[in-house]
Amino acid sequence: MWQDILPQVMQFVEPSQQSVKDSIWLVRRCTKPERKEFQKISMATAIGFAIMGFVGFLVNLFHIPINYIIVGGSIPF
């Protein structure tokens, strides 16, 4: 009875074991970034946020007047 079920159970368990082993290997390999590396990543992220905000502002700036010209009505400012 158990001999029939065991291969099916192992077929389900083996990928899970491999996933756990890979996850443990990844966590052990990860290191905390040094101060200089962290500052570089933070600066790149801040510049990316600023660029995306500026692009969003420009799209909004041009979209509102064009939308009111197409749809009609008065400009709300």
PDB file of N, CA and C in Angstrom:
ATOM      1  N   MET A   1       0.818  -1.193   0.000  1.00  0.00           N
ATOM      2  CA  MET A   1       0.000   0.000   0.000  1.00  0.00           C
ATOM      3  C   MET A   1       0.868   1.265   0.000  1.00  0.00           C
ATOM      4  N   TRP A   2       1.807   1.326   0.941  1.00  0.00           N
ATOM      5  CA  TRP A   2       2.665   2.515   1.012  1.00  0.00           C
ATOM      6  C   TRP A   2       3.597   2.600  -0.184  1.00  0.00           C
ATOM      7  N   GLN A   3       3.950   1.449  -0.715  1.00  0.00           N
ATOM      8  CA  GLN A   3       4.866   1.442  -1.839  1.00  0.00           C
ATOM      9  C   GLN A   3       4.240   2.050  -3.090  1.00  0.00           C
ATOM     10  N   ASP A   4       2.921   2.021  -3.185  1.00  0.00           N
ATOM     11  CA  ASP A   4       2.231   2.625  -4.325  1.00  0.00           C
ATOM     12  C   ASP A   4       2.102   4.136  -4.169  1.00  0.00           C
ATOM     13  N   ILE A   5       1.948   4.589  -2.944  1.00  0.00           N
ATOM     14  CA  ILE A   5       1.721   6.012  -2.677  1.00  0.00           C
ATOM     15  C   ILE A   5       3.033   6.791  -2.587  1.00  0.00           C
ATOM     16  N   LEU A   6       4.089   6.141  -2.111  1.00  0.00           N
ATOM     17  CA  LEU A   6       5.363   6.816  -1.877  1.00  0.00           C
ATOM     18  C   LEU A   6       5.928   7.520  -3.116  1.00  0.00           C
ATOM     19  N   PRO A   7       5.949   6.919  -4.293  1.00  0.00           N
ATOM     20  CA  PRO A   7       6.480   7.644  -5.468  1.00  0.00           C
ATOM     21  C   PRO A   7       5.677   8.908  -5.803  1.00  0.00           C
ATOM     22  N   GLN A   8       4.360   8.844  -5.601  1.00  0.00           N
ATOM     23  CA  GLN A   8       3.538  10.029  -5.873  1.00  0.00           C
ATOM     24  C   GLN A   8       3.839  11.135  -4.872  1.00  0.00           C
ATOM     25  N   VAL A   9       4.025  10.762  -3.619  1.00  0.00           N
ATOM     26  CA  VAL A   9       4.341  11.752  -2.585  1.00  0.00           C
ATOM     27  C   VAL A   9       5.714  12.353  -2.853  1.00  0.00           C
ATOM     28  N   MET A  10       6.684  11.517  -3.191  1.00  0.00           N
ATOM     29  CA  MET A  10       8.032  12.026  -3.462  1.00  0.00           C
ATOM     30  C   MET A  10       8.051  12.921  -4.704  1.00  0.00           C
ATOM     31  N   GLN A  11       7.214  12.620  -5.665  1.00  0.00           N
ATOM     32  CA  GLN A  11       7.128  13.463  -6.859  1.00  0.00           C
ATOM     33  C   GLN A  11       6.635  14.861  -6.492  1.00  0.00           C
ATOM     34  N   PHE A  12       5.815  14.961  -5.469  1.00  0.00           N
ATOM     35  CA  PHE A  12       5.324  16.255  -5.007  1.00  0.00           C
ATOM     36  C   PHE A  12       6.323  16.949  -4.084  1.00  0.00           C
ATOM     37  N   VAL A  13       7.039  16.175  -3.259  1.00  0.00           N
ATOM     38  CA  VAL A  13       7.921  16.739  -2.236  1.00  0.00           C
ATOM     39  C   VAL A  13       9.261  17.190  -2.813  1.00  0.00           C
ATOM     40  N   GLU A  14       9.816  16.484  -3.774  1.00  0.00           N
ATOM     41  CA  GLU A  14      11.152  16.802  -4.290  1.00  0.00           C
ATOM     42  C   GLU A  14      11.279  18.220  -4.844  1.00  0.00           C
ATOM     43  N   PRO A  15      10.348  18.721  -5.662  1.00  0.00           N
ATOM     44  CA  PRO A  15      10.488  20.118  -6.112  1.00  0.00           C
ATOM     45  C   PRO A  15      10.437  21.124  -4.960  1.00  0.00           C
ATOM     46  N   SER A  16       9.650  20.825  -3.936  1.00  0.00           N
ATOM     47  CA  SER A  16       9.576  21.723  -2.781  1.00  0.00           C
ATOM     48  C   SER A  16      10.899  21.748  -2.040  1.00  0.00           C
ATOM     49  N   GLN A  17      11.520  20.582  -1.881  1.00  0.00           N
ATOM     50  CA  GLN A  17      12.821  20.525  -1.213  1.00  0.00           C
ATOM     51  C   GLN A  17      13.864  21.307  -1.998  1.00  0.00           C
ATOM     52  N   GLN A  18      13.860  21.177  -3.306  1.00  0.00           N
ATOM     53  CA  GLN A  18      14.824  21.906  -4.142  1.00  0.00           C
ATOM     54  C   GLN A  18      14.598  23.403  -4.030  1.00  0.00           C
ATOM     55  N   SER A  19      13.350  23.820  -3.990  1.00  0.00           N
ATOM     56  CA  SER A  19      13.034  25.241  -3.856  1.00  0.00           C
ATOM     57  C   SER A  19      13.524  25.787  -2.519  1.00  0.00           C
ATOM     58  N   VAL A  20      13.348  25.022  -1.455  1.00  0.00           N
ATOM     59  CA  VAL A  20      13.823  25.445  -0.134  1.00  0.00           C
ATOM     60  C   VAL A  20      15.347  25.537  -0.132  1.00  0.00           C
ATOM     61  N   LYS A  21      16.031  24.563  -0.718  1.00  0.00           N
ATOM     62  CA  LYS A  21      17.497  24.601  -0.793  1.00  0.00           C
ATOM     63  C   LYS A  21      17.978  25.826  -1.567  1.00  0.00           C
ATOM     64  N   ASP A  22      17.325  26.114  -2.698  1.00  0.00           N
ATOM     65  CA  ASP A  22      17.710  27.281  -3.499  1.00  0.00           C
ATOM     66  C   ASP A  22      17.467  28.580  -2.732  1.00  0.00           C
ATOM     67  N   SER A  23      16.384  28.646  -1.989  1.00  0.00           N
ATOM     68  CA  SER A  23      16.080  29.854  -1.214  1.00  0.00           C
ATOM     69  C   SER A  23      17.107  30.063  -0.111  1.00  0.00           C
ATOM     70  N   ILE A  24      17.479  29.008   0.580  1.00  0.00           N
ATOM     71  CA  ILE A  24      18.495  29.109   1.640  1.00  0.00           C
ATOM     72  C   ILE A  24      19.827  29.532   1.042  1.00  0.00           C
ATOM     73  N   TRP A  25      20.200  28.977  -0.119  1.00  0.00           N
ATOM     74  CA  TRP A  25      21.450  29.356  -0.779  1.00  0.00           C
ATOM     75  C   TRP A  25      21.446  30.839  -1.129  1.00  0.00           C
ATOM     76  N   LEU A  26      20.308  31.337  -1.622  1.00  0.00           N
ATOM     77  CA  LEU A  26      20.209  32.747  -2.003  1.00  0.00           C
ATOM     78  C   LEU A  26      20.352  33.664  -0.793  1.00  0.00           C
ATOM     79  N   VAL A  27      19.688  33.330   0.295  1.00  0.00           N
ATOM     80  CA  VAL A  27      19.757  34.164   1.501  1.00  0.00           C
ATOM     81  C   VAL A  27      21.173  34.176   2.062  1.00  0.00           C
ATOM     82  N   ARG A  28      21.855  33.049   2.037  1.00  0.00           N
ATOM     83  CA  ARG A  28      23.234  33.008   2.540  1.00  0.00           C
ATOM     84  C   ARG A  28      24.181  33.804   1.647  1.00  0.00           C
ATOM     85  N   ARG A  29      23.888  33.855   0.364  1.00  0.00           N
ATOM     86  CA  ARG A  29      24.772  34.549  -0.586  1.00  0.00           C
ATOM     87  C   ARG A  29      24.565  36.066  -0.570  1.00  0.00           C
ATOM     88  N   CYS A  30      23.391  36.502  -0.195  1.00  0.00           N
ATOM     89  CA  CYS A  30      23.097  37.933  -0.192  1.00  0.00           C
ATOM     90  C   CYS A  30      23.932  38.652   0.864  1.00  0.00           C
ATOM     91  N   THR A  31      24.356  39.850   0.530  1.00  0.00           N
ATOM     92  CA  THR A  31      25.121  40.655   1.474  1.00  0.00           C
ATOM     93  C   THR A  31      24.490  42.040   1.573  1.00  0.00           C
ATOM     94  N   LYS A  32      24.736  42.680   2.693  1.00  0.00           N
ATOM     95  CA  LYS A  32      24.242  44.033   2.888  1.00  0.00           C
ATOM     96  C   LYS A  32      25.109  44.976   2.045  1.00  0.00           C
ATOM     97  N   PRO A  33      24.484  45.917   1.310  1.00  0.00           N
ATOM     98  CA  PRO A  33      25.294  46.812   0.479  1.00  0.00           C
ATOM     99  C   PRO A  33      26.134  47.765   1.330  1.00  0.00           C
ATOM    100  N   GLU A  34      27.286  48.120   0.794  1.00  0.00           N
ATOM    101  CA  GLU A  34      28.126  49.095   1.489  1.00  0.00           C
ATOM    102  C   GLU A  34      27.499  50.478   1.359  1.00  0.00           C
ATOM    103  N   ARG A  35      27.972  51.402   2.154  1.00  0.00           N
ATOM    104  CA  ARG A  35      27.388  52.746   2.186  1.00  0.00           C
ATOM    105  C   ARG A  35      27.439  53.424   0.810  1.00  0.00           C
ATOM    106  N   LYS A  36      28.575  53.317   0.131  1.00  0.00           N
ATOM    107  CA  LYS A  36      28.735  53.958  -1.177  1.00  0.00           C
ATOM    108  C   LYS A  36      27.774  53.351  -2.201  1.00  0.00           C
ATOM    109  N   GLU A  37      27.647  52.026  -2.190  1.00  0.00           N
ATOM    110  CA  GLU A  37      26.743  51.357  -3.116  1.00  0.00           C
ATOM    111  C   GLU A  37      25.283  51.741  -2.826  1.00  0.00           C
ATOM    112  N   PHE A  38      24.937  51.817  -1.539  1.00  0.00           N
ATOM    113  CA  PHE A  38      23.580  52.203  -1.160  1.00  0.00           C
ATOM    114  C   PHE A  38      23.270  53.631  -1.597  1.00  0.00           C
ATOM    115  N   GLN A  39      24.232  54.536  -1.441  1.00  0.00           N
ATOM    116  CA  GLN A  39      24.020  55.930  -1.854  1.00  0.00           C
ATOM    117  C   GLN A  39      23.845  56.023  -3.370  1.00  0.00           C
ATOM    118  N   LYS A  40      24.606  55.232  -4.122  1.00  0.00           N
ATOM    119  CA  LYS A  40      24.499  55.248  -5.578  1.00  0.00           C
ATOM    120  C   LYS A  40      23.115  54.737  -6.014  1.00  0.00           C
ATOM    121  N   ILE A  41      22.656  53.657  -5.407  1.00  0.00           N
ATOM    122  CA  ILE A  41      21.336  53.118  -5.740  1.00  0.00           C
ATOM    123  C   ILE A  41      20.237  54.107  -5.352  1.00  0.00           C
ATOM    124  N   SER A  42      20.375  54.723  -4.185  1.00  0.00           N
ATOM    125  CA  SER A  42      19.383  55.700  -3.732  1.00  0.00           C
ATOM    126  C   SER A  42      19.330  56.908  -4.659  1.00  0.00           C
ATOM    127  N   MET A  43      20.484  57.375  -5.106  1.00  0.00           N
ATOM    128  CA  MET A  43      20.530  58.528  -6.003  1.00  0.00           C
ATOM    129  C   MET A  43      19.886  58.186  -7.343  1.00  0.00           C
ATOM    130  N   ALA A  44      20.178  57.001  -7.873  1.00  0.00           N
ATOM    131  CA  ALA A  44      19.573  56.590  -9.144  1.00  0.00           C
ATOM    132  C   ALA A  44      18.057  56.478  -9.004  1.00  0.00           C
ATOM    133  N   THR A  45      17.593  55.957  -7.885  1.00  0.00           N
ATOM    134  CA  THR A  45      16.154  55.837  -7.657  1.00  0.00           C
ATOM    135  C   THR A  45      15.510  57.210  -7.548  1.00  0.00           C
ATOM    136  N   ALA A  46      16.145  58.126  -6.824  1.00  0.00           N
ATOM    137  CA  ALA A  46      15.604  59.483  -6.670  1.00  0.00           C
ATOM    138  C   ALA A  46      15.541  60.203  -8.018  1.00  0.00           C
ATOM    139  N   ILE A  47      16.578  60.048  -8.833  1.00  0.00           N
ATOM    140  CA  ILE A  47      16.580  60.676 -10.156  1.00  0.00           C
ATOM    141  C   ILE A  47      15.463  60.078 -11.016  1.00  0.00           C
ATOM    142  N   GLY A  48      15.271  58.772 -10.936  1.00  0.00           N
ATOM    143  CA  GLY A  48      14.196  58.123 -11.675  1.00  0.00           C
ATOM    144  C   GLY A  48      12.831  58.629 -11.256  1.00  0.00           C
ATOM    145  N   PHE A  49      12.612  58.776  -9.939  1.00  0.00           N
ATOM    146  CA  PHE A  49      11.350  59.328  -9.452  1.00  0.00           C
ATOM    147  C   PHE A  49      11.145  60.750  -9.951  1.00  0.00           C
ATOM    148  N   ALA A  50      12.196  61.556  -9.925  1.00  0.00           N
ATOM    149  CA  ALA A  50      12.079  62.951 -10.364  1.00  0.00           C
ATOM    150  C   ALA A  50      11.746  63.024 -11.859  1.00  0.00           C
ATOM    151  N   ILE A  51      12.405  62.206 -12.661  1.00  0.00           N
ATOM    152  CA  ILE A  51      12.133  62.208 -14.105  1.00  0.00           C
ATOM    153  C   ILE A  51      10.703  61.763 -14.384  1.00  0.00           C
ATOM    154  N   MET A  52      10.264  60.695 -13.718  1.00  0.00           N
ATOM    155  CA  MET A  52       8.894  60.213 -13.936  1.00  0.00           C
ATOM    156  C   MET A  52       7.873  61.237 -13.464  1.00  0.00           C
ATOM    157  N   GLY A  53       8.154  61.933 -12.370  1.00  0.00           N
ATOM    158  CA  GLY A  53       7.252  62.984 -11.906  1.00  0.00           C
ATOM    159  C   GLY A  53       7.180  64.134 -12.890  1.00  0.00           C
ATOM    160  N   PHE A  54       8.314  64.514 -13.440  1.00  0.00           N
ATOM    161  CA  PHE A  54       8.347  65.603 -14.410  1.00  0.00           C
ATOM    162  C   PHE A  54       7.605  65.226 -15.687  1.00  0.00           C
ATOM    163  N   VAL A  55       7.790  63.996 -16.148  1.00  0.00           N
ATOM    164  CA  VAL A  55       7.073  63.532 -17.339  1.00  0.00           C
ATOM    165  C   VAL A  55       5.568  63.527 -17.074  1.00  0.00           C
ATOM    166  N   GLY A  56       5.167  63.049 -15.907  1.00  0.00           N
ATOM    167  CA  GLY A  56       3.751  63.061 -15.546  1.00  0.00           C
ATOM    168  C   GLY A  56       3.194  64.463 -15.490  1.00  0.00           C
ATOM    169  N   PHE A  57       3.982  65.403 -14.956  1.00  0.00           N
ATOM    170  CA  PHE A  57       3.563  66.797 -14.893  1.00  0.00           C
ATOM    171  C   PHE A  57       3.369  67.367 -16.298  1.00  0.00           C
ATOM    172  N   LEU A  58       4.311  67.093 -17.196  1.00  0.00           N
ATOM    173  CA  LEU A  58       4.194  67.603 -18.561  1.00  0.00           C
ATOM    174  C   LEU A  58       2.986  67.014 -19.279  1.00  0.00           C
ATOM    175  N   VAL A  59       2.766  65.713 -19.101  1.00  0.00           N
ATOM    176  CA  VAL A  59       1.604  65.090 -19.738  1.00  0.00           C
ATOM    177  C   VAL A  59       0.331  65.734 -19.214  1.00  0.00           C
ATOM    178  N   ASN A  60       0.243  65.928 -17.917  1.00  0.00           N
ATOM    179  CA  ASN A  60      -0.932  66.557 -17.321  1.00  0.00           C
ATOM    180  C   ASN A  60      -1.059  68.005 -17.788  1.00  0.00           C
ATOM    181  N   LEU A  61       0.046  68.709 -17.898  1.00  0.00           N
ATOM    182  CA  LEU A  61       0.034  70.106 -18.306  1.00  0.00           C
ATOM    183  C   LEU A  61      -0.516  70.261 -19.716  1.00  0.00           C
ATOM    184  N   PHE A  62      -0.156  69.360 -20.624  1.00  0.00           N
ATOM    185  CA  PHE A  62      -0.648  69.442 -21.993  1.00  0.00           C
ATOM    186  C   PHE A  62      -2.007  68.779 -22.169  1.00  0.00           C
ATOM    187  N   HIS A  63      -2.306  67.811 -21.345  1.00  0.00           N
ATOM    188  CA  HIS A  63      -3.561  67.074 -21.494  1.00  0.00           C
ATOM    189  C   HIS A  63      -4.771  67.923 -21.111  1.00  0.00           C
ATOM    190  N   ILE A  64      -4.680  68.687 -20.049  1.00  0.00           N
ATOM    191  CA  ILE A  64      -5.842  69.461 -19.574  1.00  0.00           C
ATOM    192  C   ILE A  64      -6.318  70.462 -20.625  1.00  0.00           C
ATOM    193  N   PRO A  65      -5.453  71.335 -21.172  1.00  0.00           N
ATOM    194  CA  PRO A  65      -5.956  72.278 -22.178  1.00  0.00           C
ATOM    195  C   PRO A  65      -6.467  71.585 -23.444  1.00  0.00           C
ATOM    196  N   ILE A  66      -5.773  70.550 -23.897  1.00  0.00           N
ATOM    197  CA  ILE A  66      -6.215  69.849 -25.098  1.00  0.00           C
ATOM    198  C   ILE A  66      -7.561  69.175 -24.850  1.00  0.00           C
ATOM    199  N   ASN A  67      -7.733  68.603 -23.671  1.00  0.00           N
ATOM    200  CA  ASN A  67      -8.995  67.949 -23.333  1.00  0.00           C
ATOM    201  C   ASN A  67     -10.144  68.963 -23.328  1.00  0.00           C
ATOM    202  N   TYR A  68      -9.911  70.137 -22.786  1.00  0.00           N
ATOM    203  CA  TYR A  68     -10.968  71.156 -22.752  1.00  0.00           C
ATOM    204  C   TYR A  68     -11.247  71.743 -24.140  1.00  0.00           C
ATOM    205  N   ILE A  69     -10.257  71.755 -25.003  1.00  0.00           N
ATOM    206  CA  ILE A  69     -10.507  72.211 -26.383  1.00  0.00           C
ATOM    207  C   ILE A  69     -11.370  71.187 -27.119  1.00  0.00           C
ATOM    208  N   ILE A  70     -11.050  69.913 -26.939  1.00  0.00           N
ATOM    209  CA  ILE A  70     -11.797  68.858 -27.625  1.00  0.00           C
ATOM    210  C   ILE A  70     -13.194  68.713 -27.043  1.00  0.00           C
ATOM    211  N   VAL A  71     -13.299  68.627 -25.716  1.00  0.00           N
ATOM    212  CA  VAL A  71     -14.591  68.393 -25.079  1.00  0.00           C
ATOM    213  C   VAL A  71     -15.413  69.660 -25.006  1.00  0.00           C
ATOM    214  N   GLY A  72     -14.754  70.782 -24.836  1.00  0.00           N
ATOM    215  CA  GLY A  72     -15.453  72.053 -24.709  1.00  0.00           C
ATOM    216  C   GLY A  72     -15.614  72.431 -23.236  1.00  0.00           C
ATOM    217  N   GLY A  73     -16.093  73.613 -22.998  1.00  0.00           N
ATOM    218  CA  GLY A  73     -16.260  74.070 -21.623  1.00  0.00           C
ATOM    219  C   GLY A  73     -15.200  75.072 -21.265  1.00  0.00           C
ATOM    220  N   SER A  74     -15.287  75.562 -20.056  1.00  0.00           N
ATOM    221  CA  SER A  74     -14.319  76.568 -19.608  1.00  0.00           C
ATOM    222  C   SER A  74     -13.158  75.917 -18.902  1.00  0.00           C
ATOM    223  N   ILE A  75     -12.020  76.558 -18.975  1.00  0.00           N
ATOM    224  CA  ILE A  75     -10.818  76.052 -18.305  1.00  0.00           C
ATOM    225  C   ILE A  75     -10.963  76.352 -16.810  1.00  0.00           C
ATOM    226  N   PRO A  76     -10.754  75.375 -15.914  1.00  0.00           N
ATOM    227  CA  PRO A  76     -11.050  75.563 -14.495  1.00  0.00           C
ATOM    228  C   PRO A  76     -10.022  76.365 -13.716  1.00  0.00           C
ATOM    229  N   PHE A  77      -9.085  77.071 -14.362  1.00  0.00           N
ATOM    230  CA  PHE A  77      -8.140  77.865 -13.582  1.00  0.00           C
ATOM    231  C   PHE A  77      -8.017  79.209 -14.124  1.00  0.00           C
TER     232      PHE A  77
END
